[in-house]
């Protein structure tokens, strides 16, 4: 898995999700990292982003 990143718009309160980009994309809650992560294919992640736009 690649390096975990969070949005620069998240601020200092850690109320955000983090994303690790790669062939498999990981998504996790910044406040509950120990709870695990959701993993999806890069193609599925691109589809999510396209729908959000």
C-alpha atoms as a PDB file:
ATOM      1  CA  UNK A   1       0.000   0.000   0.000  1.00  0.00           C
ATOM      2  CA  UNK A   2       1.198   3.508  -0.752  1.00  0.00           C
ATOM      3  CA  UNK A   3       1.561   6.404   1.682  1.00  0.00           C
ATOM      4  CA  UNK A   4      -1.604   7.485   3.517  1.00  0.00           C
ATOM      5  CA  UNK A   5      -2.768  11.002   2.631  1.00  0.00           C
ATOM      6  CA  UNK A   6      -5.527  13.272   3.847  1.00  0.00           C
ATOM      7  CA  UNK A   7      -7.081  16.321   2.294  1.00  0.00           C
ATOM      8  CA  UNK A   8      -5.447  19.670   2.927  1.00  0.00           C
ATOM      9  CA  UNK A   9      -9.001  20.901   3.640  1.00  0.00           C
ATOM     10  CA  UNK A  10      -9.303  18.646   6.698  1.00  0.00           C
ATOM     11  CA  UNK A  11      -7.919  21.147   9.186  1.00  0.00           C
ATOM     12  CA  UNK A  12      -6.463  20.223  12.552  1.00  0.00           C
ATOM     13  CA  UNK A  13      -9.435  18.360  14.052  1.00  0.00           C
ATOM     14  CA  UNK A  14      -8.744  15.062  12.241  1.00  0.00           C
ATOM     15  CA  UNK A  15     -12.354  14.774  11.042  1.00  0.00           C
ATOM     16  CA  UNK A  16     -11.549  13.237   7.724  1.00  0.00           C
ATOM     17  CA  UNK A  17     -10.721  10.114   5.831  1.00  0.00           C
ATOM     18  CA  UNK A  18      -7.296   9.149   4.584  1.00  0.00           C
ATOM     19  CA  UNK A  19      -6.558   7.534   1.248  1.00  0.00           C
ATOM     20  CA  UNK A  20      -3.596   5.412   0.145  1.00  0.00           C
ATOM     21  CA  UNK A  21      -3.365   5.299  -3.648  1.00  0.00           C
ATOM     22  CA  UNK A  22      -1.940   2.408  -5.624  1.00  0.00           C
ATOM     23  CA  UNK A  23      -3.196  -0.594  -7.600  1.00  0.00           C
ATOM     24  CA  UNK A  24      -5.422  -1.160  -4.571  1.00  0.00           C
ATOM     25  CA  UNK A  25      -6.786   1.961  -2.869  1.00  0.00           C
ATOM     26  CA  UNK A  26      -7.149   2.036   0.911  1.00  0.00           C
ATOM     27  CA  UNK A  27      -9.616   4.306   2.693  1.00  0.00           C
ATOM     28  CA  UNK A  28      -9.713   4.737   6.477  1.00  0.00           C
ATOM     29  CA  UNK A  29     -11.089   7.064   9.150  1.00  0.00           C
ATOM     30  CA  UNK A  30      -8.389   9.312  10.592  1.00  0.00           C
ATOM     31  CA  UNK A  31      -9.932   9.150  14.077  1.00  0.00           C
ATOM     32  CA  UNK A  32     -10.215   5.341  14.060  1.00  0.00           C
ATOM     33  CA  UNK A  33      -7.183   4.055  12.184  1.00  0.00           C
ATOM     34  CA  UNK A  34      -7.098   0.951  14.389  1.00  0.00           C
ATOM     35  CA  UNK A  35     -10.573  -0.019  13.095  1.00  0.00           C
ATOM     36  CA  UNK A  36      -9.095  -1.054   9.753  1.00  0.00           C
ATOM     37  CA  UNK A  37      -9.570   0.115   6.224  1.00  0.00           C
ATOM     38  CA  UNK A  38     -11.734  -0.343   3.192  1.00  0.00           C
ATOM     39  CA  UNK A  39      -9.826  -1.475   0.105  1.00  0.00           C
ATOM     40  CA  UNK A  40     -11.074  -1.127  -3.455  1.00  0.00           C
ATOM     41  CA  UNK A  41      -9.494  -1.383  -6.887  1.00  0.00           C
ATOM     42  CA  UNK A  42      -8.050   1.772  -8.415  1.00  0.00           C
ATOM     43  CA  UNK A  43     -10.743   1.520 -11.104  1.00  0.00           C
ATOM     44  CA  UNK A  44     -13.534   1.437  -8.502  1.00  0.00           C
ATOM     45  CA  UNK A  45     -11.987   4.409  -6.675  1.00  0.00           C
ATOM     46  CA  UNK A  46     -11.853   6.402  -9.928  1.00  0.00           C
ATOM     47  CA  UNK A  47     -15.550   5.609 -10.454  1.00  0.00           C
ATOM     48  CA  UNK A  48     -16.372   6.948  -6.975  1.00  0.00           C
ATOM     49  CA  UNK A  49     -14.460  10.169  -7.659  1.00  0.00           C
ATOM     50  CA  UNK A  50     -16.104  10.599 -11.056  1.00  0.00           C
ATOM     51  CA  UNK A  51     -19.567  10.278  -9.497  1.00  0.00           C
ATOM     52  CA  UNK A  52     -18.719  12.775  -6.755  1.00  0.00           C
ATOM     53  CA  UNK A  53     -17.690  15.370  -9.288  1.00  0.00           C
END
